[in-house]
Amino acid sequence: ATHNIYYGLLCETGIIGIGLMVSFMLSAII
């Protein structure tokens, strides 16, 4: 795999997928 989940999400799930996952992670940590 990409050894970087953010690059992985970018190429594997596109703008929609990485947008949702990063929103999830940021919302949780904030």
mmCIF file of all heavy atoms, coordinates in Angstrom:
data_MODEL
# 
_entry.id   MODEL 
# 
loop_
_atom_site.group_PDB 
_atom_site.id 
_atom_site.type_symbol 
_atom_site.label_atom_id 
_atom_site.label_alt_id 
_atom_site.label_comp_id 
_atom_site.label_asym_id 
_atom_site.label_entity_id 
_atom_site.label_seq_id 
_atom_site.pdbx_PDB_ins_code 
_atom_site.Cartn_x 
_atom_site.Cartn_y 
_atom_site.Cartn_z 
_atom_site.occupancy 
_atom_site.B_iso_or_equiv 
_atom_site.pdbx_formal_charge 
_atom_site.auth_seq_id 
_atom_site.auth_comp_id 
_atom_site.auth_asym_id 
_atom_site.auth_atom_id 
_atom_site.pdbx_PDB_model_num 
ATOM 1   N N   . ALA A 1 1  ? 0.859   -1.178 0.000  1.00 0.00 ? 1  ALA A N   1 
ATOM 2   C CA  . ALA A 1 1  ? 0.000   0.000  0.000  1.00 0.00 ? 1  ALA A CA  1 
ATOM 3   C C   . ALA A 1 1  ? 0.897   1.230  0.000  1.00 0.00 ? 1  ALA A C   1 
ATOM 4   O O   . ALA A 1 1  ? 2.130   1.122  -0.011 1.00 0.00 ? 1  ALA A O   1 
ATOM 5   C CB  . ALA A 1 1  ? -0.916  -0.023 1.222  1.00 0.00 ? 1  ALA A CB  1 
ATOM 6   N N   . THR A 1 2  ? 0.336   2.404  0.041  1.00 0.00 ? 2  THR A N   1 
ATOM 7   C CA  . THR A 1 2  ? 1.102   3.640  -0.185 1.00 0.00 ? 2  THR A CA  1 
ATOM 8   C C   . THR A 1 2  ? 2.028   4.008  0.971  1.00 0.00 ? 2  THR A C   1 
ATOM 9   O O   . THR A 1 2  ? 2.857   4.905  0.826  1.00 0.00 ? 2  THR A O   1 
ATOM 10  C CB  . THR A 1 2  ? 0.144   4.818  -0.407 1.00 0.00 ? 2  THR A CB  1 
ATOM 11  O OG1 . THR A 1 2  ? -0.788  4.870  0.682  1.00 0.00 ? 2  THR A OG1 1 
ATOM 12  C CG2 . THR A 1 2  ? -0.598  4.669  -1.712 1.00 0.00 ? 2  THR A CG2 1 
ATOM 13  N N   . HIS A 1 3  ? 1.907   3.368  2.125  1.00 0.00 ? 3  HIS A N   1 
ATOM 14  C CA  . HIS A 1 3  ? 2.669   3.760  3.312  1.00 0.00 ? 3  HIS A CA  1 
ATOM 15  C C   . HIS A 1 3  ? 2.425   5.227  3.661  1.00 0.00 ? 3  HIS A C   1 
ATOM 16  O O   . HIS A 1 3  ? 3.303   5.913  4.192  1.00 0.00 ? 3  HIS A O   1 
ATOM 17  C CB  . HIS A 1 3  ? 4.164   3.489  3.132  1.00 0.00 ? 3  HIS A CB  1 
ATOM 18  C CG  . HIS A 1 3  ? 4.537   2.052  3.326  1.00 0.00 ? 3  HIS A CG  1 
ATOM 19  N ND1 . HIS A 1 3  ? 4.277   1.097  2.375  1.00 0.00 ? 3  HIS A ND1 1 
ATOM 20  C CD2 . HIS A 1 3  ? 5.125   1.410  4.360  1.00 0.00 ? 3  HIS A CD2 1 
ATOM 21  C CE1 . HIS A 1 3  ? 4.706   -0.078 2.812  1.00 0.00 ? 3  HIS A CE1 1 
ATOM 22  N NE2 . HIS A 1 3  ? 5.210   0.079  4.013  1.00 0.00 ? 3  HIS A NE2 1 
ATOM 23  N N   . ASN A 1 4  ? 1.245   5.692  3.378  1.00 0.00 ? 4  ASN A N   1 
ATOM 24  C CA  . ASN A 1 4  ? 0.749   7.008  3.786  1.00 0.00 ? 4  ASN A CA  1 
ATOM 25  C C   . ASN A 1 4  ? -0.740  6.981  3.511  1.00 0.00 ? 4  ASN A C   1 
ATOM 26  O O   . ASN A 1 4  ? -1.163  6.979  2.355  1.00 0.00 ? 4  ASN A O   1 
ATOM 27  C CB  . ASN A 1 4  ? 1.434   8.121  2.998  1.00 0.00 ? 4  ASN A CB  1 
ATOM 28  C CG  . ASN A 1 4  ? 0.977   9.503  3.423  1.00 0.00 ? 4  ASN A CG  1 
ATOM 29  O OD1 . ASN A 1 4  ? -0.218  9.802  3.473  1.00 0.00 ? 4  ASN A OD1 1 
ATOM 30  N ND2 . ASN A 1 4  ? 1.936   10.371 3.731  1.00 0.00 ? 4  ASN A ND2 1 
ATOM 31  N N   . ILE A 1 5  ? -1.526  6.938  4.573  1.00 0.00 ? 5  ILE A N   1 
ATOM 32  C CA  . ILE A 1 5  ? -2.964  6.735  4.370  1.00 0.00 ? 5  ILE A CA  1 
ATOM 33  C C   . ILE A 1 5  ? -3.605  7.902  3.630  1.00 0.00 ? 5  ILE A C   1 
ATOM 34  O O   . ILE A 1 5  ? -4.634  7.730  2.959  1.00 0.00 ? 5  ILE A O   1 
ATOM 35  C CB  . ILE A 1 5  ? -3.696  6.486  5.706  1.00 0.00 ? 5  ILE A CB  1 
ATOM 36  C CG1 . ILE A 1 5  ? -3.604  7.699  6.638  1.00 0.00 ? 5  ILE A CG1 1 
ATOM 37  C CG2 . ILE A 1 5  ? -3.167  5.238  6.386  1.00 0.00 ? 5  ILE A CG2 1 
ATOM 38  C CD1 . ILE A 1 5  ? -4.435  7.561  7.902  1.00 0.00 ? 5  ILE A CD1 1 
ATOM 39  N N   . TYR A 1 6  ? -3.013  9.088  3.705  1.00 0.00 ? 6  TYR A N   1 
ATOM 40  C CA  . TYR A 1 6  ? -3.609  10.261 3.064  1.00 0.00 ? 6  TYR A CA  1 
ATOM 41  C C   . TYR A 1 6  ? -3.375  10.224 1.554  1.00 0.00 ? 6  TYR A C   1 
ATOM 42  O O   . TYR A 1 6  ? -4.291  10.524 0.772  1.00 0.00 ? 6  TYR A O   1 
ATOM 43  C CB  . TYR A 1 6  ? -3.043  11.534 3.700  1.00 0.00 ? 6  TYR A CB  1 
ATOM 44  C CG  . TYR A 1 6  ? -3.149  11.486 5.207  1.00 0.00 ? 6  TYR A CG  1 
ATOM 45  C CD1 . TYR A 1 6  ? -2.032  11.273 6.006  1.00 0.00 ? 6  TYR A CD1 1 
ATOM 46  C CD2 . TYR A 1 6  ? -4.392  11.589 5.830  1.00 0.00 ? 6  TYR A CD2 1 
ATOM 47  C CE1 . TYR A 1 6  ? -2.138  11.187 7.387  1.00 0.00 ? 6  TYR A CE1 1 
ATOM 48  C CE2 . TYR A 1 6  ? -4.514  11.492 7.206  1.00 0.00 ? 6  TYR A CE2 1 
ATOM 49  C CZ  . TYR A 1 6  ? -3.377  11.288 7.978  1.00 0.00 ? 6  TYR A CZ  1 
ATOM 50  O OH  . TYR A 1 6  ? -3.490  11.171 9.349  1.00 0.00 ? 6  TYR A OH  1 
ATOM 51  N N   . TYR A 1 7  ? -2.185  9.848  1.127  1.00 0.00 ? 7  TYR A N   1 
ATOM 52  C CA  . TYR A 1 7  ? -1.964  9.618  -0.304 1.00 0.00 ? 7  TYR A CA  1 
ATOM 53  C C   . TYR A 1 7  ? -2.812  8.435  -0.780 1.00 0.00 ? 7  TYR A C   1 
ATOM 54  O O   . TYR A 1 7  ? -3.336  8.449  -1.901 1.00 0.00 ? 7  TYR A O   1 
ATOM 55  C CB  . TYR A 1 7  ? -0.496  9.340  -0.581 1.00 0.00 ? 7  TYR A CB  1 
ATOM 56  C CG  . TYR A 1 7  ? 0.376   10.569 -0.633 1.00 0.00 ? 7  TYR A CG  1 
ATOM 57  C CD1 . TYR A 1 7  ? 1.415   10.740 0.268  1.00 0.00 ? 7  TYR A CD1 1 
ATOM 58  C CD2 . TYR A 1 7  ? 0.171   11.552 -1.597 1.00 0.00 ? 7  TYR A CD2 1 
ATOM 59  C CE1 . TYR A 1 7  ? 2.233   11.874 0.221  1.00 0.00 ? 7  TYR A CE1 1 
ATOM 60  C CE2 . TYR A 1 7  ? 0.972   12.681 -1.658 1.00 0.00 ? 7  TYR A CE2 1 
ATOM 61  C CZ  . TYR A 1 7  ? 1.997   12.835 -0.737 1.00 0.00 ? 7  TYR A CZ  1 
ATOM 62  O OH  . TYR A 1 7  ? 2.795   13.960 -0.788 1.00 0.00 ? 7  TYR A OH  1 
ATOM 63  N N   . GLY A 1 8  ? -2.934  7.416  0.064  1.00 0.00 ? 8  GLY A N   1 
ATOM 64  C CA  . GLY A 1 8  ? -3.745  6.265  -0.301 1.00 0.00 ? 8  GLY A CA  1 
ATOM 65  C C   . GLY A 1 8  ? -5.199  6.642  -0.502 1.00 0.00 ? 8  GLY A C   1 
ATOM 66  O O   . GLY A 1 8  ? -5.826  6.262  -1.500 1.00 0.00 ? 8  GLY A O   1 
ATOM 67  N N   . LEU A 1 9  ? -5.747  7.390  0.430  1.00 0.00 ? 9  LEU A N   1 
ATOM 68  C CA  . LEU A 1 9  ? -7.138  7.838  0.303  1.00 0.00 ? 9  LEU A CA  1 
ATOM 69  C C   . LEU A 1 9  ? -7.314  8.733  -0.913 1.00 0.00 ? 9  LEU A C   1 
ATOM 70  O O   . LEU A 1 9  ? -8.342  8.675  -1.606 1.00 0.00 ? 9  LEU A O   1 
ATOM 71  C CB  . LEU A 1 9  ? -7.563  8.591  1.568  1.00 0.00 ? 9  LEU A CB  1 
ATOM 72  C CG  . LEU A 1 9  ? -7.778  7.744  2.823  1.00 0.00 ? 9  LEU A CG  1 
ATOM 73  C CD1 . LEU A 1 9  ? -7.867  8.633  4.055  1.00 0.00 ? 9  LEU A CD1 1 
ATOM 74  C CD2 . LEU A 1 9  ? -9.037  6.901  2.690  1.00 0.00 ? 9  LEU A CD2 1 
ATOM 75  N N   . LEU A 1 10 ? -6.311  9.557  -1.185 1.00 0.00 ? 10 LEU A N   1 
ATOM 76  C CA  . LEU A 1 10 ? -6.399  10.484 -2.310 1.00 0.00 ? 10 LEU A CA  1 
ATOM 77  C C   . LEU A 1 10 ? -6.562  9.746  -3.627 1.00 0.00 ? 10 LEU A C   1 
ATOM 78  O O   . LEU A 1 10 ? -7.465  10.042 -4.421 1.00 0.00 ? 10 LEU A O   1 
ATOM 79  C CB  . LEU A 1 10 ? -5.142  11.357 -2.342 1.00 0.00 ? 10 LEU A CB  1 
ATOM 80  C CG  . LEU A 1 10 ? -5.146  12.528 -3.327 1.00 0.00 ? 10 LEU A CG  1 
ATOM 81  C CD1 . LEU A 1 10 ? -6.143  13.588 -2.893 1.00 0.00 ? 10 LEU A CD1 1 
ATOM 82  C CD2 . LEU A 1 10 ? -3.744  13.127 -3.424 1.00 0.00 ? 10 LEU A CD2 1 
ATOM 83  N N   . CYS A 1 11 ? -5.704  8.759  -3.866 1.00 0.00 ? 11 CYS A N   1 
ATOM 84  C CA  . CYS A 1 11 ? -5.757  8.076  -5.158 1.00 0.00 ? 11 CYS A CA  1 
ATOM 85  C C   . CYS A 1 11 ? -6.809  6.980  -5.186 1.00 0.00 ? 11 CYS A C   1 
ATOM 86  O O   . CYS A 1 11 ? -7.338  6.663  -6.256 1.00 0.00 ? 11 CYS A O   1 
ATOM 87  C CB  . CYS A 1 11 ? -4.388  7.507  -5.520 1.00 0.00 ? 11 CYS A CB  1 
ATOM 88  S SG  . CYS A 1 11 ? -3.849  6.097  -4.548 1.00 0.00 ? 11 CYS A SG  1 
ATOM 89  N N   . GLU A 1 12 ? -7.140  6.410  -4.057 1.00 0.00 ? 12 GLU A N   1 
ATOM 90  C CA  . GLU A 1 12 ? -8.067  5.277  -4.041 1.00 0.00 ? 12 GLU A CA  1 
ATOM 91  C C   . GLU A 1 12 ? -9.532  5.682  -3.890 1.00 0.00 ? 12 GLU A C   1 
ATOM 92  O O   . GLU A 1 12 ? -10.420 4.986  -4.385 1.00 0.00 ? 12 GLU A O   1 
ATOM 93  C CB  . GLU A 1 12 ? -7.696  4.312  -2.913 1.00 0.00 ? 12 GLU A CB  1 
ATOM 94  C CG  . GLU A 1 12 ? -6.374  3.611  -3.132 1.00 0.00 ? 12 GLU A CG  1 
ATOM 95  C CD  . GLU A 1 12 ? -5.994  2.706  -1.976 1.00 0.00 ? 12 GLU A CD  1 
ATOM 96  O OE1 . GLU A 1 12 ? -6.620  2.808  -0.898 1.00 0.00 ? 12 GLU A OE1 1 
ATOM 97  O OE2 . GLU A 1 12 ? -5.065  1.893  -2.133 1.00 0.00 ? 12 GLU A OE2 1 
ATOM 98  N N   . THR A 1 13 ? -9.796  6.808  -3.205 1.00 0.00 ? 13 THR A N   1 
ATOM 99  C CA  . THR A 1 13 ? -11.191 7.212  -2.984 1.00 0.00 ? 13 THR A CA  1 
ATOM 100 C C   . THR A 1 13 ? -11.521 8.579  -3.564 1.00 0.00 ? 13 THR A C   1 
ATOM 101 O O   . THR A 1 13 ? -12.654 9.034  -3.468 1.00 0.00 ? 13 THR A O   1 
ATOM 102 C CB  . THR A 1 13 ? -11.530 7.216  -1.477 1.00 0.00 ? 13 THR A CB  1 
ATOM 103 O OG1 . THR A 1 13 ? -10.751 8.217  -0.804 1.00 0.00 ? 13 THR A OG1 1 
ATOM 104 C CG2 . THR A 1 13 ? -11.253 5.860  -0.856 1.00 0.00 ? 13 THR A CG2 1 
ATOM 105 N N   . GLY A 1 14 ? -10.522 9.262  -4.152 1.00 0.00 ? 14 GLY A N   1 
ATOM 106 C CA  . GLY A 1 14 ? -10.781 10.535 -4.799 1.00 0.00 ? 14 GLY A CA  1 
ATOM 107 C C   . GLY A 1 14 ? -11.126 11.642 -3.820 1.00 0.00 ? 14 GLY A C   1 
ATOM 108 O O   . GLY A 1 14 ? -11.007 11.508 -2.595 1.00 0.00 ? 14 GLY A O   1 
ATOM 109 N N   . ILE A 1 15 ? -11.573 12.744 -4.375 1.00 0.00 ? 15 ILE A N   1 
ATOM 110 C CA  . ILE A 1 15 ? -11.886 13.929 -3.560 1.00 0.00 ? 15 ILE A CA  1 
ATOM 111 C C   . ILE A 1 15 ? -12.994 13.629 -2.555 1.00 0.00 ? 15 ILE A C   1 
ATOM 112 O O   . ILE A 1 15 ? -12.930 14.059 -1.395 1.00 0.00 ? 15 ILE A O   1 
ATOM 113 C CB  . ILE A 1 15 ? -12.306 15.096 -4.481 1.00 0.00 ? 15 ILE A CB  1 
ATOM 114 C CG1 . ILE A 1 15 ? -11.123 15.536 -5.352 1.00 0.00 ? 15 ILE A CG1 1 
ATOM 115 C CG2 . ILE A 1 15 ? -12.823 16.269 -3.654 1.00 0.00 ? 15 ILE A CG2 1 
ATOM 116 C CD1 . ILE A 1 15 ? -11.477 16.559 -6.399 1.00 0.00 ? 15 ILE A CD1 1 
ATOM 117 N N   . ILE A 1 16 ? -14.001 12.896 -2.970 1.00 0.00 ? 16 ILE A N   1 
ATOM 118 C CA  . ILE A 1 16 ? -15.136 12.636 -2.082 1.00 0.00 ? 16 ILE A CA  1 
ATOM 119 C C   . ILE A 1 16 ? -14.701 11.790 -0.890 1.00 0.00 ? 16 ILE A C   1 
ATOM 120 O O   . ILE A 1 16 ? -14.994 12.114 0.270  1.00 0.00 ? 16 ILE A O   1 
ATOM 121 C CB  . ILE A 1 16 ? -16.271 11.927 -2.849 1.00 0.00 ? 16 ILE A CB  1 
ATOM 122 C CG1 . ILE A 1 16 ? -16.775 12.818 -3.985 1.00 0.00 ? 16 ILE A CG1 1 
ATOM 123 C CG2 . ILE A 1 16 ? -17.415 11.578 -1.899 1.00 0.00 ? 16 ILE A CG2 1 
ATOM 124 C CD1 . ILE A 1 16 ? -17.795 12.137 -4.872 1.00 0.00 ? 16 ILE A CD1 1 
ATOM 125 N N   . GLY A 1 17 ? -14.006 10.716 -1.161 1.00 0.00 ? 17 GLY A N   1 
ATOM 126 C CA  . GLY A 1 17 ? -13.617 9.808  -0.087 1.00 0.00 ? 17 GLY A CA  1 
ATOM 127 C C   . GLY A 1 17 ? -12.658 10.435 0.899  1.00 0.00 ? 17 GLY A C   1 
ATOM 128 O O   . GLY A 1 17 ? -12.869 10.365 2.114  1.00 0.00 ? 17 GLY A O   1 
ATOM 129 N N   . ILE A 1 18 ? -11.592 11.058 0.398  1.00 0.00 ? 18 ILE A N   1 
ATOM 130 C CA  . ILE A 1 18 ? -10.632 11.656 1.319  1.00 0.00 ? 18 ILE A CA  1 
ATOM 131 C C   . ILE A 1 18 ? -11.253 12.834 2.064  1.00 0.00 ? 18 ILE A C   1 
ATOM 132 O O   . ILE A 1 18 ? -10.940 13.081 3.239  1.00 0.00 ? 18 ILE A O   1 
ATOM 133 C CB  . ILE A 1 18 ? -9.334  12.097 0.588  1.00 0.00 ? 18 ILE A CB  1 
ATOM 134 C CG1 . ILE A 1 18 ? -8.245  12.426 1.620  1.00 0.00 ? 18 ILE A CG1 1 
ATOM 135 C CG2 . ILE A 1 18 ? -9.593  13.257 -0.340 1.00 0.00 ? 18 ILE A CG2 1 
ATOM 136 C CD1 . ILE A 1 18 ? -6.890  12.717 1.014  1.00 0.00 ? 18 ILE A CD1 1 
ATOM 137 N N   . GLY A 1 19 ? -12.166 13.547 1.409  1.00 0.00 ? 19 GLY A N   1 
ATOM 138 C CA  . GLY A 1 19 ? -12.853 14.648 2.085  1.00 0.00 ? 19 GLY A CA  1 
ATOM 139 C C   . GLY A 1 19 ? -13.655 14.160 3.281  1.00 0.00 ? 19 GLY A C   1 
ATOM 140 O O   . GLY A 1 19 ? -13.622 14.760 4.363  1.00 0.00 ? 19 GLY A O   1 
ATOM 141 N N   . LEU A 1 20 ? -14.371 13.059 3.101  1.00 0.00 ? 20 LEU A N   1 
ATOM 142 C CA  . LEU A 1 20 ? -15.178 12.508 4.195  1.00 0.00 ? 20 LEU A CA  1 
ATOM 143 C C   . LEU A 1 20 ? -14.299 11.967 5.320  1.00 0.00 ? 20 LEU A C   1 
ATOM 144 O O   . LEU A 1 20 ? -14.567 12.220 6.500  1.00 0.00 ? 20 LEU A O   1 
ATOM 145 C CB  . LEU A 1 20 ? -16.086 11.399 3.662  1.00 0.00 ? 20 LEU A CB  1 
ATOM 146 C CG  . LEU A 1 20 ? -17.262 11.850 2.804  1.00 0.00 ? 20 LEU A CG  1 
ATOM 147 C CD1 . LEU A 1 20 ? -17.920 10.651 2.126  1.00 0.00 ? 20 LEU A CD1 1 
ATOM 148 C CD2 . LEU A 1 20 ? -18.290 12.600 3.654  1.00 0.00 ? 20 LEU A CD2 1 
ATOM 149 N N   . MET A 1 21 ? -13.236 11.232 4.982  1.00 0.00 ? 21 MET A N   1 
ATOM 150 C CA  . MET A 1 21 ? -12.404 10.641 6.024  1.00 0.00 ? 21 MET A CA  1 
ATOM 151 C C   . MET A 1 21 ? -11.627 11.702 6.789  1.00 0.00 ? 21 MET A C   1 
ATOM 152 O O   . MET A 1 21 ? -11.527 11.648 8.026  1.00 0.00 ? 21 MET A O   1 
ATOM 153 C CB  . MET A 1 21 ? -11.452 9.605  5.421  1.00 0.00 ? 21 MET A CB  1 
ATOM 154 C CG  . MET A 1 21 ? -10.554 8.910  6.453  1.00 0.00 ? 21 MET A CG  1 
ATOM 155 S SD  . MET A 1 21 ? -11.453 8.124  7.829  1.00 0.00 ? 21 MET A SD  1 
ATOM 156 C CE  . MET A 1 21 ? -12.252 6.757  6.969  1.00 0.00 ? 21 MET A CE  1 
ATOM 157 N N   . VAL A 1 22 ? -11.065 12.675 6.085  1.00 0.00 ? 22 VAL A N   1 
ATOM 158 C CA  . VAL A 1 22 ? -10.329 13.739 6.774  1.00 0.00 ? 22 VAL A CA  1 
ATOM 159 C C   . VAL A 1 22 ? -11.277 14.577 7.623  1.00 0.00 ? 22 VAL A C   1 
ATOM 160 O O   . VAL A 1 22 ? -10.924 14.989 8.745  1.00 0.00 ? 22 VAL A O   1 
ATOM 161 C CB  . VAL A 1 22 ? -9.563  14.614 5.758  1.00 0.00 ? 22 VAL A CB  1 
ATOM 162 C CG1 . VAL A 1 22 ? -8.990  15.853 6.435  1.00 0.00 ? 22 VAL A CG1 1 
ATOM 163 C CG2 . VAL A 1 22 ? -8.439  13.804 5.118  1.00 0.00 ? 22 VAL A CG2 1 
ATOM 164 N N   . SER A 1 23 ? -12.485 14.811 7.136  1.00 0.00 ? 23 SER A N   1 
ATOM 165 C CA  . SER A 1 23 ? -13.488 15.525 7.942  1.00 0.00 ? 23 SER A CA  1 
ATOM 166 C C   . SER A 1 23 ? -13.807 14.748 9.205  1.00 0.00 ? 23 SER A C   1 
ATOM 167 O O   . SER A 1 23 ? -13.954 15.331 10.295 1.00 0.00 ? 23 SER A O   1 
ATOM 168 C CB  . SER A 1 23 ? -14.762 15.750 7.125  1.00 0.00 ? 23 SER A CB  1 
ATOM 169 O OG  . SER A 1 23 ? -14.518 16.577 6.022  1.00 0.00 ? 23 SER A OG  1 
ATOM 170 N N   . PHE A 1 24 ? -13.923 13.433 9.074  1.00 0.00 ? 24 PHE A N   1 
ATOM 171 C CA  . PHE A 1 24 ? -14.177 12.574 10.232 1.00 0.00 ? 24 PHE A CA  1 
ATOM 172 C C   . PHE A 1 24 ? -13.042 12.688 11.249 1.00 0.00 ? 24 PHE A C   1 
ATOM 173 O O   . PHE A 1 24 ? -13.271 12.898 12.454 1.00 0.00 ? 24 PHE A O   1 
ATOM 174 C CB  . PHE A 1 24 ? -14.327 11.126 9.767  1.00 0.00 ? 24 PHE A CB  1 
ATOM 175 C CG  . PHE A 1 24 ? -14.378 10.123 10.878 1.00 0.00 ? 24 PHE A CG  1 
ATOM 176 C CD1 . PHE A 1 24 ? -15.558 9.887  11.566 1.00 0.00 ? 24 PHE A CD1 1 
ATOM 177 C CD2 . PHE A 1 24 ? -13.236 9.414  11.244 1.00 0.00 ? 24 PHE A CD2 1 
ATOM 178 C CE1 . PHE A 1 24 ? -15.610 8.964  12.610 1.00 0.00 ? 24 PHE A CE1 1 
ATOM 179 C CE2 . PHE A 1 24 ? -13.277 8.489  12.271 1.00 0.00 ? 24 PHE A CE2 1 
ATOM 180 C CZ  . PHE A 1 24 ? -14.460 8.262  12.960 1.00 0.00 ? 24 PHE A CZ  1 
ATOM 181 N N   . MET A 1 25 ? -11.812 12.576 10.785 1.00 0.00 ? 25 MET A N   1 
ATOM 182 C CA  . MET A 1 25 ? -10.665 12.586 11.687 1.00 0.00 ? 25 MET A CA  1 
ATOM 183 C C   . MET A 1 25 ? -10.484 13.948 12.344 1.00 0.00 ? 25 MET A C   1 
ATOM 184 O O   . MET A 1 25 ? -10.198 14.039 13.551 1.00 0.00 ? 25 MET A O   1 
ATOM 185 C CB  . MET A 1 25 ? -9.404  12.172 10.927 1.00 0.00 ? 25 MET A CB  1 
ATOM 186 C CG  . MET A 1 25 ? -9.470  10.747 10.385 1.00 0.00 ? 25 MET A CG  1 
ATOM 187 S SD  . MET A 1 25 ? -8.093  10.303 9.293  1.00 0.00 ? 25 MET A SD  1 
ATOM 188 C CE  . MET A 1 25 ? -6.818  10.003 10.505 1.00 0.00 ? 25 MET A CE  1 
ATOM 189 N N   . LEU A 1 26 ? -10.649 15.008 11.574 1.00 0.00 ? 26 LEU A N   1 
ATOM 190 C CA  . LEU A 1 26 ? -10.515 16.350 12.135 1.00 0.00 ? 26 LEU A CA  1 
ATOM 191 C C   . LEU A 1 26 ? -11.627 16.665 13.127 1.00 0.00 ? 26 LEU A C   1 
ATOM 192 O O   . LEU A 1 26 ? -11.378 17.252 14.186 1.00 0.00 ? 26 LEU A O   1 
ATOM 193 C CB  . LEU A 1 26 ? -10.498 17.394 11.013 1.00 0.00 ? 26 LEU A CB  1 
ATOM 194 C CG  . LEU A 1 26 ? -9.231  17.468 10.165 1.00 0.00 ? 26 LEU A CG  1 
ATOM 195 C CD1 . LEU A 1 26 ? -9.395  18.489 9.048  1.00 0.00 ? 26 LEU A CD1 1 
ATOM 196 C CD2 . LEU A 1 26 ? -8.027  17.818 11.027 1.00 0.00 ? 26 LEU A CD2 1 
ATOM 197 N N   . SER A 1 27 ? -12.851 16.275 12.797 1.00 0.00 ? 27 SER A N   1 
ATOM 198 C CA  . SER A 1 27 ? -13.973 16.510 13.710 1.00 0.00 ? 27 SER A CA  1 
ATOM 199 C C   . SER A 1 27 ? -13.754 15.789 15.035 1.00 0.00 ? 27 SER A C   1 
ATOM 200 O O   . SER A 1 27 ? -14.021 16.342 16.108 1.00 0.00 ? 27 SER A O   1 
ATOM 201 C CB  . SER A 1 27 ? -15.281 16.040 13.071 1.00 0.00 ? 27 SER A CB  1 
ATOM 202 O OG  . SER A 1 27 ? -15.580 16.770 11.908 1.00 0.00 ? 27 SER A OG  1 
ATOM 203 N N   . ALA A 1 28 ? -13.264 14.561 14.961 1.00 0.00 ? 28 ALA A N   1 
ATOM 204 C CA  . ALA A 1 28 ? -13.027 13.773 16.171 1.00 0.00 ? 28 ALA A CA  1 
ATOM 205 C C   . ALA A 1 28 ? -11.939 14.398 17.037 1.00 0.00 ? 28 ALA A C   1 
ATOM 206 O O   . ALA A 1 28 ? -12.120 14.572 18.253 1.00 0.00 ? 28 ALA A O   1 
ATOM 207 C CB  . ALA A 1 28 ? -12.658 12.337 15.806 1.00 0.00 ? 28 ALA A CB  1 
ATOM 208 N N   . ILE A 1 29 ? -10.809 14.757 16.449 1.00 0.00 ? 29 ILE A N   1 
ATOM 209 C CA  . ILE A 1 29 ? -9.694  15.276 17.245 1.00 0.00 ? 29 ILE A CA  1 
ATOM 210 C C   . ILE A 1 29 ? -10.006 16.665 17.785 1.00 0.00 ? 29 ILE A C   1 
ATOM 211 O O   . ILE A 1 29 ? -9.649  16.992 18.937 1.00 0.00 ? 29 ILE A O   1 
ATOM 212 C CB  . ILE A 1 29 ? -8.380  15.282 16.426 1.00 0.00 ? 29 ILE A CB  1 
ATOM 213 C CG1 . ILE A 1 29 ? -7.175  15.471 17.356 1.00 0.00 ? 29 ILE A CG1 1 
ATOM 214 C CG2 . ILE A 1 29 ? -8.394  16.334 15.337 1.00 0.00 ? 29 ILE A CG2 1 
ATOM 215 C CD1 . ILE A 1 29 ? -6.918  14.343 18.290 1.00 0.00 ? 29 ILE A CD1 1 
ATOM 216 N N   . ILE A 1 30 ? -10.693 17.504 17.004 1.00 0.00 ? 30 ILE A N   1 
ATOM 217 C CA  . ILE A 1 30 ? -11.055 18.839 17.490 1.00 0.00 ? 30 ILE A CA  1 
ATOM 218 C C   . ILE A 1 30 ? -12.035 18.737 18.646 1.00 0.00 ? 30 ILE A C   1 
ATOM 219 O O   . ILE A 1 30 ? -11.897 19.426 19.670 1.00 0.00 ? 30 ILE A O   1 
ATOM 220 C CB  . ILE A 1 30 ? -11.626 19.695 16.341 1.00 0.00 ? 30 ILE A CB  1 
ATOM 221 C CG1 . ILE A 1 30 ? -10.518 20.035 15.340 1.00 0.00 ? 30 ILE A CG1 1 
ATOM 222 C CG2 . ILE A 1 30 ? -12.262 20.970 16.888 1.00 0.00 ? 30 ILE A CG2 1 
ATOM 223 C CD1 . ILE A 1 30 ? -11.021 20.706 14.074 1.00 0.00 ? 30 ILE A CD1 1 
# 
